[in-house]
Structures are given as structure tokens and as C-alpha cells.
N, C-alpha and C. Protein backbone atom coordinates (compact mmCIF):
# COMPACT_ATOMS: atom_id res chain seq x y z
N UNK A 1 -22.46 12.59 15.55
CA UNK A 1 -22.39 13.24 14.28
C UNK A 1 -21.04 13.05 13.65
N UNK A 2 -20.00 13.37 14.39
CA UNK A 2 -18.62 13.30 13.83
C UNK A 2 -18.21 11.83 13.47
N UNK A 3 -18.49 10.88 14.37
CA UNK A 3 -18.30 9.44 14.17
C UNK A 3 -19.02 8.95 12.87
N UNK A 4 -20.21 9.42 12.72
CA UNK A 4 -21.03 9.02 11.61
C UNK A 4 -20.43 9.52 10.27
N UNK A 5 -19.88 10.70 10.32
CA UNK A 5 -19.26 11.27 9.16
C UNK A 5 -17.94 10.47 8.80
N UNK A 6 -17.11 10.19 9.81
CA UNK A 6 -15.97 9.43 9.54
C UNK A 6 -16.22 8.12 9.01
N UNK A 7 -17.18 7.42 9.65
CA UNK A 7 -17.64 6.00 9.15
C UNK A 7 -18.10 6.07 7.64
N UNK A 8 -18.81 7.17 7.24
CA UNK A 8 -19.30 7.20 5.88
C UNK A 8 -18.09 7.46 4.95
N UNK A 9 -17.19 8.28 5.36
CA UNK A 9 -15.91 8.55 4.50
C UNK A 9 -15.17 7.20 4.35
N UNK A 10 -14.94 6.46 5.46
CA UNK A 10 -14.26 5.18 5.30
C UNK A 10 -14.97 4.14 4.45
N UNK A 11 -16.28 4.15 4.46
CA UNK A 11 -17.10 3.29 3.63
C UNK A 11 -16.92 3.70 2.19
N UNK A 12 -16.86 4.98 1.86
CA UNK A 12 -16.71 5.48 0.50
C UNK A 12 -15.29 5.08 0.05
N UNK A 13 -14.31 5.19 0.87
CA UNK A 13 -12.90 4.84 0.48
C UNK A 13 -12.76 3.40 0.21
N UNK A 14 -13.47 2.51 0.87
CA UNK A 14 -13.39 1.04 0.61
C UNK A 14 -13.73 0.62 -0.74
N UNK A 15 -14.60 1.36 -1.43
CA UNK A 15 -14.95 1.12 -2.81
C UNK A 15 -13.73 1.19 -3.70
N UNK A 16 -12.87 2.08 -3.46
CA UNK A 16 -11.74 2.33 -4.34
C UNK A 16 -10.41 1.56 -3.96
N UNK A 17 -10.42 0.89 -2.84
CA UNK A 17 -9.26 0.11 -2.38
C UNK A 17 -9.06 -1.03 -3.30
N UNK A 18 -7.83 -1.36 -3.55
CA UNK A 18 -7.41 -2.50 -4.31
C UNK A 18 -7.40 -3.73 -3.35
N UNK A 19 -7.85 -4.83 -3.79
CA UNK A 19 -7.87 -6.05 -2.98
C UNK A 19 -6.62 -6.97 -3.14
N UNK A 20 -5.90 -6.73 -4.21
CA UNK A 20 -4.78 -7.67 -4.50
C UNK A 20 -3.39 -7.13 -4.10
N UNK A 21 -3.36 -6.27 -3.17
CA UNK A 21 -2.04 -5.66 -2.73
C UNK A 21 -1.42 -6.60 -1.72
N UNK A 22 -0.15 -7.01 -2.02
CA UNK A 22 0.55 -7.93 -1.01
C UNK A 22 0.97 -7.15 0.18
N UNK A 23 1.35 -7.84 1.23
CA UNK A 23 1.83 -7.27 2.45
C UNK A 23 3.18 -6.66 2.21
N UNK A 24 3.37 -5.38 2.34
CA UNK A 24 4.59 -4.70 2.10
C UNK A 24 5.14 -4.08 3.37
N UNK A 25 6.45 -4.31 3.68
CA UNK A 25 7.07 -3.83 4.86
C UNK A 25 8.28 -3.04 4.46
N UNK A 26 8.75 -2.25 5.42
CA UNK A 26 9.98 -1.38 5.13
C UNK A 26 11.15 -2.43 5.04
N UNK A 27 12.01 -2.27 3.99
CA UNK A 27 13.13 -3.12 3.78
C UNK A 27 12.89 -4.07 2.63
N UNK A 28 11.65 -4.20 2.15
CA UNK A 28 11.30 -5.12 1.04
C UNK A 28 11.77 -4.54 -0.25
N UNK A 29 12.23 -5.39 -1.12
CA UNK A 29 12.49 -4.99 -2.50
C UNK A 29 11.27 -5.34 -3.27
N UNK A 30 10.71 -4.30 -3.95
CA UNK A 30 9.42 -4.44 -4.69
C UNK A 30 9.66 -4.11 -6.09
N UNK A 31 8.77 -4.62 -6.95
CA UNK A 31 8.74 -4.34 -8.34
C UNK A 31 7.35 -3.82 -8.71
N UNK A 32 7.15 -2.57 -9.08
CA UNK A 32 5.88 -1.98 -9.32
C UNK A 32 5.76 -1.78 -10.86
N UNK A 33 4.62 -2.16 -11.29
CA UNK A 33 4.28 -1.87 -12.74
C UNK A 33 3.37 -0.62 -12.81
N UNK A 34 3.93 0.44 -13.48
CA UNK A 34 3.28 1.67 -13.54
C UNK A 34 2.78 1.84 -15.02
N UNK A 35 1.44 2.21 -15.08
CA UNK A 35 0.91 2.46 -16.44
C UNK A 35 1.26 3.90 -16.87
N UNK A 36 1.86 3.97 -18.08
CA UNK A 36 2.25 5.24 -18.59
C UNK A 36 1.59 5.51 -19.91
N UNK A 37 0.93 6.67 -20.13
CA UNK A 37 0.31 7.02 -21.34
C UNK A 37 1.16 7.98 -22.13
N UNK A 38 1.48 7.59 -23.34
CA UNK A 38 2.28 8.44 -24.21
C UNK A 38 1.49 8.67 -25.49
N UNK A 39 0.85 9.84 -25.61
CA UNK A 39 0.01 10.10 -26.76
C UNK A 39 -1.25 9.18 -26.64
N UNK A 40 -1.37 8.35 -27.71
CA UNK A 40 -2.55 7.45 -27.70
C UNK A 40 -2.19 6.07 -27.22
N UNK A 41 -0.94 5.78 -27.03
CA UNK A 41 -0.45 4.40 -26.65
C UNK A 41 -0.23 4.40 -25.13
N UNK A 42 -0.47 3.24 -24.55
CA UNK A 42 -0.28 2.93 -23.24
C UNK A 42 0.81 1.82 -23.08
N UNK A 43 1.65 1.94 -21.98
CA UNK A 43 2.55 0.83 -21.73
C UNK A 43 2.78 0.77 -20.20
N UNK A 44 3.40 -0.36 -19.80
CA UNK A 44 3.66 -0.57 -18.40
C UNK A 44 5.20 -0.48 -18.21
N UNK A 45 5.61 0.44 -17.35
CA UNK A 45 7.03 0.57 -17.02
C UNK A 45 7.23 0.04 -15.59
N UNK A 46 8.27 -0.73 -15.35
CA UNK A 46 8.48 -1.36 -14.06
C UNK A 46 9.55 -0.51 -13.28
N UNK A 47 9.34 -0.41 -12.03
CA UNK A 47 10.20 0.40 -11.16
C UNK A 47 10.47 -0.53 -10.02
N UNK A 48 11.79 -0.92 -9.80
CA UNK A 48 12.19 -1.82 -8.77
C UNK A 48 13.14 -1.17 -7.85
N UNK A 49 12.89 -1.31 -6.55
CA UNK A 49 13.71 -0.63 -5.56
C UNK A 49 13.38 -1.07 -4.16
N UNK A 50 14.03 -0.58 -3.18
CA UNK A 50 13.80 -0.90 -1.75
C UNK A 50 12.83 0.06 -1.10
N UNK A 51 11.90 -0.44 -0.33
CA UNK A 51 10.91 0.36 0.36
C UNK A 51 11.67 0.98 1.61
N UNK A 52 11.78 2.29 1.69
CA UNK A 52 12.51 2.92 2.84
C UNK A 52 11.54 3.59 3.71
N UNK A 53 10.30 3.67 3.33
CA UNK A 53 9.34 4.35 4.24
C UNK A 53 7.87 3.96 3.91
N UNK A 54 6.97 3.92 4.75
CA UNK A 54 5.61 3.72 4.55
C UNK A 54 4.85 4.81 5.37
N UNK A 55 3.78 5.32 4.77
CA UNK A 55 2.87 6.30 5.45
C UNK A 55 1.41 6.06 5.29
N UNK A 56 0.71 6.54 6.31
CA UNK A 56 -0.74 6.52 6.30
C UNK A 56 -1.40 5.12 6.29
N UNK A 57 -2.70 5.07 6.00
CA UNK A 57 -3.33 3.81 6.01
C UNK A 57 -4.55 3.98 5.06
N UNK A 58 -5.20 2.90 4.91
CA UNK A 58 -6.34 2.89 4.02
C UNK A 58 -6.12 3.21 2.55
N UNK A 59 -6.93 4.08 1.94
CA UNK A 59 -6.69 4.42 0.58
C UNK A 59 -5.58 5.42 0.33
N UNK A 60 -5.15 5.98 1.47
CA UNK A 60 -4.08 7.07 1.30
C UNK A 60 -2.71 6.49 1.61
N UNK A 61 -2.51 5.16 1.62
CA UNK A 61 -1.26 4.46 1.97
C UNK A 61 -0.25 4.77 0.89
N UNK A 62 0.91 5.23 1.21
CA UNK A 62 2.00 5.52 0.27
C UNK A 62 3.21 4.79 0.69
N UNK A 63 4.12 4.47 -0.29
CA UNK A 63 5.40 3.90 0.02
C UNK A 63 6.49 4.74 -0.75
N UNK A 64 7.56 4.81 -0.13
CA UNK A 64 8.74 5.48 -0.64
C UNK A 64 9.77 4.54 -1.06
N UNK A 65 9.98 4.46 -2.36
CA UNK A 65 10.90 3.43 -2.96
C UNK A 65 12.14 4.17 -3.48
N UNK A 66 13.32 3.54 -3.18
CA UNK A 66 14.61 4.06 -3.56
C UNK A 66 15.27 3.07 -4.42
N UNK A 67 15.79 3.50 -5.49
CA UNK A 67 16.59 2.64 -6.47
C UNK A 67 17.89 3.38 -6.89
N UNK A 68 18.81 2.67 -7.33
CA UNK A 68 20.02 3.30 -7.81
C UNK A 68 20.01 3.15 -9.34
N UNK A 69 20.05 4.35 -9.97
CA UNK A 69 20.00 4.36 -11.45
C UNK A 69 21.17 5.10 -12.03
N UNK A 70 22.12 4.50 -12.72
CA UNK A 70 23.38 5.12 -13.33
C UNK A 70 24.14 5.79 -12.21
N UNK A 71 24.21 5.10 -11.05
CA UNK A 71 25.00 5.66 -9.97
C UNK A 71 24.36 6.70 -9.07
N UNK A 72 23.20 7.15 -9.42
CA UNK A 72 22.45 8.13 -8.61
C UNK A 72 21.29 7.48 -7.93
N UNK A 73 21.03 7.81 -6.68
CA UNK A 73 19.92 7.38 -5.90
C UNK A 73 18.65 8.08 -6.29
N UNK A 74 17.61 7.35 -6.67
CA UNK A 74 16.35 8.03 -7.10
C UNK A 74 15.27 7.51 -6.07
N UNK A 75 14.60 8.41 -5.54
CA UNK A 75 13.44 8.01 -4.67
C UNK A 75 12.10 8.52 -5.23
N UNK A 76 11.07 7.71 -5.06
CA UNK A 76 9.81 8.05 -5.63
C UNK A 76 8.69 7.56 -4.67
N UNK A 77 7.65 8.36 -4.55
CA UNK A 77 6.55 8.08 -3.68
C UNK A 77 5.45 7.49 -4.50
N UNK A 78 4.95 6.35 -4.11
CA UNK A 78 3.78 5.71 -4.80
C UNK A 78 2.57 5.61 -3.93
N UNK A 79 1.45 5.92 -4.49
CA UNK A 79 0.11 5.71 -3.78
C UNK A 79 -0.31 4.28 -4.14
N UNK A 80 -0.42 3.39 -3.19
CA UNK A 80 -0.60 1.99 -3.44
C UNK A 80 -1.94 1.74 -4.17
N UNK A 81 -2.94 2.48 -3.86
CA UNK A 81 -4.29 2.25 -4.39
C UNK A 81 -4.61 3.02 -5.63
N UNK A 82 -3.58 3.70 -6.26
CA UNK A 82 -3.75 4.46 -7.42
C UNK A 82 -4.05 3.50 -8.62
N UNK A 83 -4.92 3.99 -9.55
CA UNK A 83 -5.25 3.20 -10.68
C UNK A 83 -4.09 3.10 -11.69
N UNK A 84 -3.08 3.95 -11.51
CA UNK A 84 -1.92 3.96 -12.38
C UNK A 84 -0.96 2.69 -12.12
N UNK A 85 -1.01 2.18 -10.94
CA UNK A 85 -0.17 0.98 -10.53
C UNK A 85 -0.94 -0.25 -10.96
N UNK A 86 -0.30 -1.00 -11.85
CA UNK A 86 -0.94 -2.14 -12.41
C UNK A 86 -0.65 -3.46 -11.55
N UNK A 87 0.57 -3.58 -11.18
CA UNK A 87 1.05 -4.70 -10.44
C UNK A 87 2.10 -4.35 -9.32
N UNK A 88 2.03 -5.08 -8.26
CA UNK A 88 3.01 -4.99 -7.21
C UNK A 88 3.47 -6.37 -6.83
N UNK A 89 4.86 -6.54 -6.84
CA UNK A 89 5.43 -7.81 -6.54
C UNK A 89 6.57 -7.67 -5.53
N UNK A 90 6.55 -8.36 -4.50
CA UNK A 90 7.57 -8.34 -3.45
C UNK A 90 8.66 -9.31 -3.91
N UNK A 91 9.81 -8.84 -4.26
CA UNK A 91 10.95 -9.71 -4.67
C UNK A 91 11.69 -10.31 -3.49
N UNK A 92 12.09 -9.45 -2.57
CA UNK A 92 12.92 -9.86 -1.45
C UNK A 92 12.40 -9.20 -0.13
N UNK A 93 12.60 -9.78 1.01
CA UNK A 93 12.31 -9.20 2.27
C UNK A 93 13.63 -9.18 3.10
N UNK A 94 13.82 -8.01 3.76
CA UNK A 94 15.05 -7.79 4.56
C UNK A 94 14.61 -7.68 6.07
N UNK A 95 15.63 -8.02 6.86
CA UNK A 95 15.42 -7.88 8.29
C UNK A 95 15.95 -6.48 8.76
N UNK A 96 15.05 -5.57 9.14
CA UNK A 96 15.39 -4.23 9.49
C UNK A 96 14.85 -4.02 10.91
N UNK A 97 15.42 -2.97 11.57
CA UNK A 97 14.97 -2.68 12.91
C UNK A 97 14.61 -1.30 13.08
N UNK A 98 14.24 -0.61 11.89
CA UNK A 98 13.74 0.74 11.93
C UNK A 98 12.48 0.87 11.07
N UNK A 99 11.79 1.95 11.32
CA UNK A 99 10.61 2.19 10.57
C UNK A 99 10.87 2.93 9.28
N UNK A 100 11.88 3.80 9.30
CA UNK A 100 12.32 4.52 8.08
C UNK A 100 13.79 4.23 7.82
N UNK A 101 14.14 4.01 6.58
CA UNK A 101 15.54 3.56 6.30
C UNK A 101 16.24 4.76 5.58
N UNK A 102 16.06 5.88 6.07
CA UNK A 102 16.71 7.13 5.54
C UNK A 102 18.20 7.07 5.51
N UNK A 103 18.76 6.23 6.39
CA UNK A 103 20.22 6.18 6.46
C UNK A 103 20.84 5.55 5.27
N UNK A 104 20.07 4.89 4.39
CA UNK A 104 20.59 4.30 3.16
C UNK A 104 20.97 5.46 2.24
N UNK A 105 20.44 6.61 2.36
CA UNK A 105 20.82 7.71 1.49
C UNK A 105 22.33 8.08 1.47
N UNK A 106 22.94 7.87 2.66
CA UNK A 106 24.28 8.29 2.84
C UNK A 106 25.25 7.12 2.37
N UNK A 107 24.73 5.93 2.26
CA UNK A 107 25.61 4.77 1.89
C UNK A 107 25.67 4.60 0.42
N UNK A 108 26.66 3.88 0.00
CA UNK A 108 26.80 3.56 -1.42
C UNK A 108 27.45 2.20 -1.51
N UNK A 109 27.24 1.60 -2.76
CA UNK A 109 27.83 0.30 -3.00
C UNK A 109 27.30 -0.85 -2.18
N UNK A 110 28.20 -1.69 -1.81
CA UNK A 110 27.87 -2.90 -0.98
C UNK A 110 27.33 -2.56 0.34
N UNK A 111 27.61 -1.42 0.86
CA UNK A 111 27.05 -0.92 2.22
C UNK A 111 25.57 -0.84 2.17
N UNK A 112 24.94 -0.67 1.06
CA UNK A 112 23.43 -0.52 1.02
C UNK A 112 22.75 -1.83 1.13
N UNK A 113 23.48 -2.96 1.04
CA UNK A 113 22.75 -4.29 1.15
C UNK A 113 22.20 -4.51 2.56
N UNK A 114 21.02 -5.05 2.59
CA UNK A 114 20.30 -5.35 3.86
C UNK A 114 20.26 -6.92 4.05
N UNK A 115 20.25 -7.31 5.20
CA UNK A 115 20.25 -8.80 5.55
C UNK A 115 18.86 -9.32 5.18
N UNK A 116 18.93 -10.52 4.56
CA UNK A 116 17.73 -11.23 4.10
C UNK A 116 16.97 -11.75 5.35
N UNK A 117 15.60 -11.85 5.31
CA UNK A 117 14.83 -12.47 6.27
C UNK A 117 14.92 -13.96 6.13
N UNK A 118 14.91 -14.65 7.13
CA UNK A 118 14.91 -16.09 7.12
C UNK A 118 13.53 -16.60 7.27
N UNK A 119 13.04 -17.28 6.30
CA UNK A 119 11.60 -17.79 6.35
C UNK A 119 11.50 -19.18 6.94
């Protein structure tokens, strides 16, 4: 009974999953296009930063993106399968040895740079 219920929930979630999401890893620099509604108009605002954490799986998958704006570190959590996200682009990939990059919060300036992956 319980397995049958879980399978039916997973099947229902598959309907709402996006198919065009690139492979995102911790340490990647991503550019997300977010749809913003202001009154009657809609526009796409881009948010670019480093992925410092990934949580969950399937339709509940979220990423924590950190960017520096006017000298302050800003972190924001995005649900990858949300209809508000219009585009996801991986700009750069970094070689990291941790699952969460929370130590970047304490660093500033050039110290926050991550080593590039060699392809």
C-alpha cells in the first residue's frame, strides 16, 4: 500500500518536472532568468552567482545561489522546477571538494575565487 502511494506521487510529480534543466553542481556559476510580474507587465530578471548548496531531488530540488551585490553577499534559494524560472545557464564550473560551500560567506574579494574545472 505504502509503495503504491509513493509511486503514484512520483508519477504525479513527473508531469510538472522541467525537461531542459542542465546538470548543475556545487561550485558552478549559473545565470537564472526569473519571470517577474509588475502590475500588468512581465519581464525577465537575471540572477547570476555561485551555487553553494543543493538540496532534495525530483520536483523539490532547490539550489542556493550566492552573489555579491554592491559589496554585500546575497543568497537566494531557487526551486529549479518552478514555473517562474524561465532559463538556466551554467557559465562556469569549479573544482570543489565539498558538498556545501558555506565557507565562502566568511571570505571576500579575490579569496572567493574557485579553481576552474579542466575539461
